[in-house]
Amino acid sequence: MDRLILIDNDALLKLARYGLLDESIALFGCVPTSVRVLATAKYSLFPAKNRLRFCKDEESAARLEAFLRSSIPLDAGAADPDLLDALNAVQNIDAGEALLLAVGATDENTLVITGDKRSLTALCTNDSVTQIANALVGRVVTMEVLFSYLVEYQFAHVQDCVRSNPDVDIALRIVFGVSNPTSFESVQEGLSSYIKNLRAVTRTLLYVQSS
């Protein structure tokens, strides 16, 4: 069975605004039909009263809409109900993130791309969900981890995408350069620093590309 990617709304939105959705999925040898998104994504990311509230511009909105049309809503039935209940009981893990993590823990052939580091900290510091954290070891991709691999393949393009949209992610904006572009080595060092700090909390949870 081919690998599936589970992606949360925060990561979806940021990657759509950067114009890096397809590149991010391709990084793991996947296509949009290999992606599972929260069923609420299209409603949460496109509020009825203000369609561009989160996307900010029509180009980003069009990219995100096209991606959502080709991806598949996540089936809540794919999660072990006991794991889902345990995650929903943990403070700082919202319902959407709980579903992604529960499905990821149930199916070892998945990767979870998430922009919610607070939920990962909660997952790894709460004894009641230790078994779930253990089941997800090496299969969780944060934005910093994702970009550490993206820059290996197309540094100049990725840097331009980030610097052209400075309000999307503060940490990435700093890493890639605010007033002037940062060198490849400095970007790597900056991303590594963020990842090191996160690994100190999440231990072996984060994805590492096999050699």
C-alpha atoms as a PDB file:
ATOM      1  CA  MET A   1       0.000   0.000   0.000  1.00  0.00           C
ATOM      2  CA  ASP A   2       1.287   3.481  -0.882  1.00  0.00           C
ATOM      3  CA  ARG A   3       2.053   5.943   1.882  1.00  0.00           C
ATOM      4  CA  LEU A   4      -0.680   8.344   2.918  1.00  0.00           C
ATOM      5  CA  ILE A   5      -0.145  11.869   4.192  1.00  0.00           C
ATOM      6  CA  LEU A   6      -2.424  13.351   6.847  1.00  0.00           C
ATOM      7  CA  ILE A   7      -2.218  17.137   6.962  1.00  0.00           C
ATOM      8  CA  ASP A   8      -3.790  19.623   9.346  1.00  0.00           C
ATOM      9  CA  ASN A   9      -5.498  22.885   8.463  1.00  0.00           C
ATOM     10  CA  ASP A  10      -2.658  25.080   9.688  1.00  0.00           C
ATOM     11  CA  ALA A  11      -0.079  23.381   7.476  1.00  0.00           C
ATOM     12  CA  LEU A  12      -2.498  23.365   4.526  1.00  0.00           C
ATOM     13  CA  LEU A  13      -3.050  27.084   4.784  1.00  0.00           C
ATOM     14  CA  LYS A  14       0.612  28.006   5.183  1.00  0.00           C
ATOM     15  CA  LEU A  15       1.744  25.833   2.295  1.00  0.00           C
ATOM     16  CA  ALA A  16      -1.040  27.169   0.059  1.00  0.00           C
ATOM     17  CA  ARG A  17      -0.021  30.742   0.804  1.00  0.00           C
ATOM     18  CA  TYR A  18       3.607  29.914   0.084  1.00  0.00           C
ATOM     19  CA  GLY A  19       2.609  28.089  -3.103  1.00  0.00           C
ATOM     20  CA  LEU A  20       4.426  24.957  -1.930  1.00  0.00           C
ATOM     21  CA  LEU A  21       1.648  22.402  -1.482  1.00  0.00           C
ATOM     22  CA  ASP A  22       2.515  20.187  -4.440  1.00  0.00           C
ATOM     23  CA  GLU A  23       6.257  20.402  -3.791  1.00  0.00           C
ATOM     24  CA  SER A  24       5.755  19.391  -0.169  1.00  0.00           C
ATOM     25  CA  ILE A  25       3.696  16.338  -1.038  1.00  0.00           C
ATOM     26  CA  ALA A  26       6.067  15.307  -3.830  1.00  0.00           C
ATOM     27  CA  LEU A  27       8.934  15.421  -1.336  1.00  0.00           C
ATOM     28  CA  PHE A  28       7.546  12.228   0.188  1.00  0.00           C
ATOM     29  CA  GLY A  29       6.842  10.555  -3.148  1.00  0.00           C
ATOM     30  CA  CYS A  30       3.123  11.316  -2.952  1.00  0.00           C
ATOM     31  CA  VAL A  31       0.446  13.057  -5.019  1.00  0.00           C
ATOM     32  CA  PRO A  32      -2.621  15.016  -3.798  1.00  0.00           C
ATOM     33  CA  THR A  33      -4.822  11.899  -3.995  1.00  0.00           C
ATOM     34  CA  SER A  34      -2.503  10.347  -1.383  1.00  0.00           C
ATOM     35  CA  VAL A  35      -3.422  13.150   1.013  1.00  0.00           C
ATOM     36  CA  ARG A  36      -6.106  13.015   3.680  1.00  0.00           C
ATOM     37  CA  VAL A  37      -7.421  16.291   5.094  1.00  0.00           C
ATOM     38  CA  LEU A  38      -9.901  17.060   7.840  1.00  0.00           C
ATOM     39  CA  ALA A  39     -13.480  17.035   6.575  1.00  0.00           C
ATOM     40  CA  THR A  40     -13.879  20.493   8.124  1.00  0.00           C
ATOM     41  CA  ALA A  41     -10.953  21.972   6.152  1.00  0.00           C
ATOM     42  CA  LYS A  42     -12.956  23.604   3.366  1.00  0.00           C
ATOM     43  CA  TYR A  43     -15.383  25.177   5.836  1.00  0.00           C
ATOM     44  CA  SER A  44     -12.768  26.261   8.373  1.00  0.00           C
ATOM     45  CA  LEU A  45     -10.355  27.702   5.815  1.00  0.00           C
ATOM     46  CA  PHE A  46     -13.017  29.376   3.673  1.00  0.00           C
ATOM     47  CA  PRO A  47     -15.471  31.136   6.013  1.00  0.00           C
ATOM     48  CA  ALA A  48     -18.793  31.793   4.298  1.00  0.00           C
ATOM     49  CA  LYS A  49     -18.850  35.488   5.252  1.00  0.00           C
ATOM     50  CA  ASN A  50     -15.267  36.202   4.177  1.00  0.00           C
ATOM     51  CA  ARG A  51     -13.742  33.692   1.778  1.00  0.00           C
ATOM     52  CA  LEU A  52     -10.300  35.318   1.876  1.00  0.00           C
ATOM     53  CA  ARG A  53     -10.118  35.815   5.633  1.00  0.00           C
ATOM     54  CA  PHE A  54      -7.325  33.257   6.007  1.00  0.00           C
ATOM     55  CA  CYS A  55      -5.962  32.863   2.479  1.00  0.00           C
ATOM     56  CA  LYS A  56      -5.632  36.662   2.171  1.00  0.00           C
ATOM     57  CA  ASP A  57      -5.471  36.655  -1.640  1.00  0.00           C
ATOM     58  CA  GLU A  58      -7.277  34.988  -4.517  1.00  0.00           C
ATOM     59  CA  GLU A  59      -4.203  33.190  -5.809  1.00  0.00           C
ATOM     60  CA  SER A  60      -3.630  31.387  -2.502  1.00  0.00           C
ATOM     61  CA  ALA A  61      -7.336  30.588  -2.233  1.00  0.00           C
ATOM     62  CA  ALA A  62      -7.405  29.091  -5.729  1.00  0.00           C
ATOM     63  CA  ARG A  63      -4.373  26.939  -4.962  1.00  0.00           C
ATOM     64  CA  LEU A  64      -5.917  25.668  -1.750  1.00  0.00           C
ATOM     65  CA  GLU A  65      -9.302  24.986  -3.341  1.00  0.00           C
ATOM     66  CA  ALA A  66      -7.685  22.994  -6.149  1.00  0.00           C
ATOM     67  CA  PHE A  67      -5.672  20.974  -3.668  1.00  0.00           C
ATOM     68  CA  LEU A  68      -8.700  20.230  -1.492  1.00  0.00           C
ATOM     69  CA  ARG A  69     -10.624  19.033  -4.551  1.00  0.00           C
ATOM     70  CA  SER A  70      -7.934  16.467  -5.354  1.00  0.00           C
ATOM     71  CA  SER A  71      -7.288  15.332  -1.772  1.00  0.00           C
ATOM     72  CA  ILE A  72      -9.656  13.130   0.235  1.00  0.00           C
ATOM     73  CA  PRO A  73     -11.483  13.982   3.485  1.00  0.00           C
ATOM     74  CA  LEU A  74     -10.248  11.918   6.405  1.00  0.00           C
ATOM     75  CA  ASP A  75     -12.540   9.091   7.459  1.00  0.00           C
ATOM     76  CA  ALA A  76     -13.030   9.362  11.219  1.00  0.00           C
ATOM     77  CA  GLY A  77     -13.777   5.645  11.241  1.00  0.00           C
ATOM     78  CA  ALA A  78     -10.146   4.963  10.357  1.00  0.00           C
ATOM     79  CA  ALA A  79      -9.093   5.904  13.892  1.00  0.00           C
ATOM     80  CA  ASP A  80      -9.140   3.568  16.863  1.00  0.00           C
ATOM     81  CA  PRO A  81     -11.960   5.033  19.008  1.00  0.00           C
ATOM     82  CA  ASP A  82     -10.059   4.407  22.237  1.00  0.00           C
ATOM     83  CA  LEU A  83      -7.037   6.325  20.953  1.00  0.00           C
ATOM     84  CA  LEU A  84      -9.270   9.139  19.760  1.00  0.00           C
ATOM     85  CA  ASP A  85     -10.992   9.384  23.146  1.00  0.00           C
ATOM     86  CA  ALA A  86      -7.631   9.457  24.925  1.00  0.00           C
ATOM     87  CA  LEU A  87      -6.335  12.281  22.719  1.00  0.00           C
ATOM     88  CA  ASN A  88      -9.530  14.306  23.019  1.00  0.00           C
ATOM     89  CA  ALA A  89      -9.108  14.222  26.793  1.00  0.00           C
ATOM     90  CA  VAL A  90      -5.685  15.900  26.645  1.00  0.00           C
ATOM     91  CA  GLN A  91      -5.528  19.665  27.075  1.00  0.00           C
ATOM     92  CA  ASN A  92      -4.026  21.561  24.093  1.00  0.00           C
ATOM     93  CA  ILE A  93      -4.925  18.851  21.577  1.00  0.00           C
ATOM     94  CA  ASP A  94      -7.973  20.018  19.616  1.00  0.00           C
ATOM     95  CA  ALA A  95     -10.483  17.701  17.966  1.00  0.00           C
ATOM     96  CA  GLY A  96      -9.012  17.971  14.485  1.00  0.00           C
ATOM     97  CA  GLU A  97      -5.466  17.325  15.640  1.00  0.00           C
ATOM     98  CA  ALA A  98      -6.690  14.437  17.808  1.00  0.00           C
ATOM     99  CA  LEU A  99      -8.246  12.771  14.760  1.00  0.00           C
ATOM    100  CA  LEU A 100      -5.089  13.163  12.664  1.00  0.00           C
ATOM    101  CA  LEU A 101      -2.889  11.761  15.412  1.00  0.00           C
ATOM    102  CA  ALA A 102      -5.275   8.905  16.172  1.00  0.00           C
ATOM    103  CA  VAL A 103      -5.468   7.836  12.528  1.00  0.00           C
ATOM    104  CA  GLY A 104      -1.702   8.196  12.212  1.00  0.00           C
ATOM    105  CA  ALA A 105      -1.155   6.029  15.262  1.00  0.00           C
ATOM    106  CA  THR A 106      -3.592   3.433  13.907  1.00  0.00           C
ATOM    107  CA  ASP A 107      -2.012   3.226  10.433  1.00  0.00           C
ATOM    108  CA  GLU A 108       1.784   2.906  10.395  1.00  0.00           C
ATOM    109  CA  ASN A 109       1.862   3.698   6.667  1.00  0.00           C
ATOM    110  CA  THR A 110       1.036   7.373   7.238  1.00  0.00           C
ATOM    111  CA  LEU A 111       2.911  10.611   7.812  1.00  0.00           C
ATOM    112  CA  VAL A 112       1.336  13.479   9.762  1.00  0.00           C
ATOM    113  CA  ILE A 113       2.171  17.000   8.586  1.00  0.00           C
ATOM    114  CA  THR A 114       1.176  19.511  11.225  1.00  0.00           C
ATOM    115  CA  GLY A 115       1.653  23.152  12.066  1.00  0.00           C
ATOM    116  CA  ASP A 116       0.424  22.660  15.636  1.00  0.00           C
ATOM    117  CA  LYS A 117       3.501  22.249  17.824  1.00  0.00           C
ATOM    118  CA  ARG A 118       1.469  22.826  20.961  1.00  0.00           C
ATOM    119  CA  SER A 119      -0.430  19.593  20.361  1.00  0.00           C
ATOM    120  CA  LEU A 120       2.829  17.697  19.823  1.00  0.00           C
ATOM    121  CA  THR A 121       4.182  18.975  23.123  1.00  0.00           C
ATOM    122  CA  ALA A 122       0.978  17.881  24.842  1.00  0.00           C
ATOM    123  CA  LEU A 123       1.166  14.471  23.169  1.00  0.00           C
ATOM    124  CA  CYS A 124       4.718  13.889  24.365  1.00  0.00           C
ATOM    125  CA  THR A 125       4.321  15.189  27.915  1.00  0.00           C
ATOM    126  CA  ASN A 126       1.106  13.457  28.931  1.00  0.00           C
ATOM    127  CA  ASP A 127       1.462   9.913  30.264  1.00  0.00           C
ATOM    128  CA  SER A 128      -2.081   8.983  29.274  1.00  0.00           C
ATOM    129  CA  VAL A 129      -1.163   9.077  25.563  1.00  0.00           C
ATOM    130  CA  THR A 130       2.380   7.695  25.692  1.00  0.00           C
ATOM    131  CA  GLN A 131       1.388   4.670  23.616  1.00  0.00           C
ATOM    132  CA  ILE A 132       0.114   6.987  20.875  1.00  0.00           C
ATOM    133  CA  ALA A 133       3.332   8.999  20.857  1.00  0.00           C
ATOM    134  CA  ASN A 134       5.285   5.743  20.639  1.00  0.00           C
ATOM    135  CA  ALA A 135       3.149   4.549  17.717  1.00  0.00           C
ATOM    136  CA  LEU A 136       3.907   7.778  15.820  1.00  0.00           C
ATOM    137  CA  VAL A 137       7.682   7.730  16.301  1.00  0.00           C
ATOM    138  CA  GLY A 138       9.465   9.103  13.245  1.00  0.00           C
ATOM    139  CA  ARG A 139       6.272   9.912  11.357  1.00  0.00           C
ATOM    140  CA  VAL A 140       5.397  13.483  12.348  1.00  0.00           C
ATOM    141  CA  VAL A 141       6.489  16.373  10.118  1.00  0.00           C
ATOM    142  CA  THR A 142       6.430  19.938  11.452  1.00  0.00           C
ATOM    143  CA  MET A 143       6.865  22.968   9.223  1.00  0.00           C
ATOM    144  CA  GLU A 144      10.506  23.332  10.258  1.00  0.00           C
ATOM    145  CA  VAL A 145      11.228  19.681   9.468  1.00  0.00           C
ATOM    146  CA  LEU A 146       9.418  19.962   6.141  1.00  0.00           C
ATOM    147  CA  PHE A 147      11.341  23.080   5.105  1.00  0.00           C
ATOM    148  CA  SER A 148      14.654  21.549   6.155  1.00  0.00           C
ATOM    149  CA  TYR A 149      14.111  19.004   3.356  1.00  0.00           C
ATOM    150  CA  LEU A 150      12.529  21.385   0.852  1.00  0.00           C
ATOM    151  CA  VAL A 151      15.585  23.646   0.853  1.00  0.00           C
ATOM    152  CA  GLU A 152      17.815  20.712  -0.014  1.00  0.00           C
ATOM    153  CA  TYR A 153      16.110  20.448  -3.391  1.00  0.00           C
ATOM    154  CA  GLN A 154      15.136  24.000  -4.362  1.00  0.00           C
ATOM    155  CA  PHE A 155      16.598  26.501  -1.944  1.00  0.00           C
ATOM    156  CA  ALA A 156      16.264  29.691  -3.999  1.00  0.00           C
ATOM    157  CA  HIS A 157      12.642  29.000  -4.911  1.00  0.00           C
ATOM    158  CA  VAL A 158      11.623  28.101  -1.354  1.00  0.00           C
ATOM    159  CA  GLN A 159      13.385  31.146   0.061  1.00  0.00           C
ATOM    160  CA  ASP A 160      11.606  33.387  -2.429  1.00  0.00           C
ATOM    161  CA  CYS A 161       8.234  31.849  -1.511  1.00  0.00           C
ATOM    162  CA  VAL A 162       8.803  32.463   2.196  1.00  0.00           C
ATOM    163  CA  ARG A 163      10.219  35.974   1.848  1.00  0.00           C
ATOM    164  CA  SER A 164       7.389  36.969  -0.524  1.00  0.00           C
ATOM    165  CA  ASN A 165       4.859  36.068   2.201  1.00  0.00           C
ATOM    166  CA  PRO A 166       6.494  37.273   5.432  1.00  0.00           C
ATOM    167  CA  ASP A 167       3.320  37.203   7.528  1.00  0.00           C
ATOM    168  CA  VAL A 168       2.620  33.462   7.057  1.00  0.00           C
ATOM    169  CA  ASP A 169       5.055  32.013   9.622  1.00  0.00           C
ATOM    170  CA  ILE A 170       7.202  34.141  11.920  1.00  0.00           C
ATOM    171  CA  ALA A 171       9.847  31.488  12.585  1.00  0.00           C
ATOM    172  CA  LEU A 172      10.350  30.769   8.890  1.00  0.00           C
ATOM    173  CA  ARG A 173      10.425  34.482   8.084  1.00  0.00           C
ATOM    174  CA  ILE A 174      13.303  34.956  10.532  1.00  0.00           C
ATOM    175  CA  VAL A 175      15.184  31.913   9.281  1.00  0.00           C
ATOM    176  CA  PHE A 176      14.995  32.884   5.601  1.00  0.00           C
ATOM    177  CA  GLY A 177      15.838  36.533   6.151  1.00  0.00           C
ATOM    178  CA  VAL A 178      13.750  39.625   6.836  1.00  0.00           C
ATOM    179  CA  SER A 179      15.557  42.622   5.316  1.00  0.00           C
ATOM    180  CA  ASN A 180      17.918  40.542   3.185  1.00  0.00           C
ATOM    181  CA  PRO A 181      17.995  36.890   2.070  1.00  0.00           C
ATOM    182  CA  THR A 182      19.920  34.544   4.353  1.00  0.00           C
ATOM    183  CA  SER A 183      22.534  32.138   3.015  1.00  0.00           C
ATOM    184  CA  PHE A 184      21.755  28.451   2.525  1.00  0.00           C
ATOM    185  CA  GLU A 185      24.054  27.542   5.417  1.00  0.00           C
ATOM    186  CA  SER A 186      22.388  30.047   7.734  1.00  0.00           C
ATOM    187  CA  VAL A 187      18.921  28.773   6.801  1.00  0.00           C
ATOM    188  CA  GLN A 188      19.999  25.215   7.530  1.00  0.00           C
ATOM    189  CA  GLU A 189      21.452  26.297  10.856  1.00  0.00           C
ATOM    190  CA  GLY A 190      18.316  28.224  11.796  1.00  0.00           C
ATOM    191  CA  LEU A 191      15.970  25.363  10.928  1.00  0.00           C
ATOM    192  CA  SER A 192      18.214  22.888  12.747  1.00  0.00           C
ATOM    193  CA  SER A 193      18.077  25.039  15.866  1.00  0.00           C
ATOM    194  CA  TYR A 194      14.269  25.098  15.882  1.00  0.00           C
ATOM    195  CA  ILE A 195      14.124  21.356  15.209  1.00  0.00           C
ATOM    196  CA  LYS A 196      16.642  20.598  17.962  1.00  0.00           C
ATOM    197  CA  ASN A 197      14.541  22.503  20.493  1.00  0.00           C
ATOM    198  CA  LEU A 198      11.411  20.673  19.392  1.00  0.00           C
ATOM    199  CA  ARG A 199      13.127  17.277  19.526  1.00  0.00           C
ATOM    200  CA  ALA A 200      14.117  18.020  23.119  1.00  0.00           C
ATOM    201  CA  VAL A 201      10.408  17.897  23.935  1.00  0.00           C
ATOM    202  CA  THR A 202       9.103  15.394  21.404  1.00  0.00           C
ATOM    203  CA  ARG A 203      12.144  13.073  21.464  1.00  0.00           C
ATOM    204  CA  THR A 204      11.874  10.589  18.551  1.00  0.00           C
ATOM    205  CA  LEU A 205       8.446  11.705  17.301  1.00  0.00           C
ATOM    206  CA  LEU A 206       9.682  13.822  14.391  1.00  0.00           C
ATOM    207  CA  TYR A 207      10.300  12.474  10.905  1.00  0.00           C
ATOM    208  CA  VAL A 208      13.820  11.673   9.725  1.00  0.00           C
ATOM    209  CA  GLN A 209      14.319  10.879   6.065  1.00  0.00           C
ATOM    210  CA  SER A 210      15.826   7.434   5.522  1.00  0.00           C
ATOM    211  CA  SER A 211      19.135   7.407   3.728  1.00  0.00           C
END
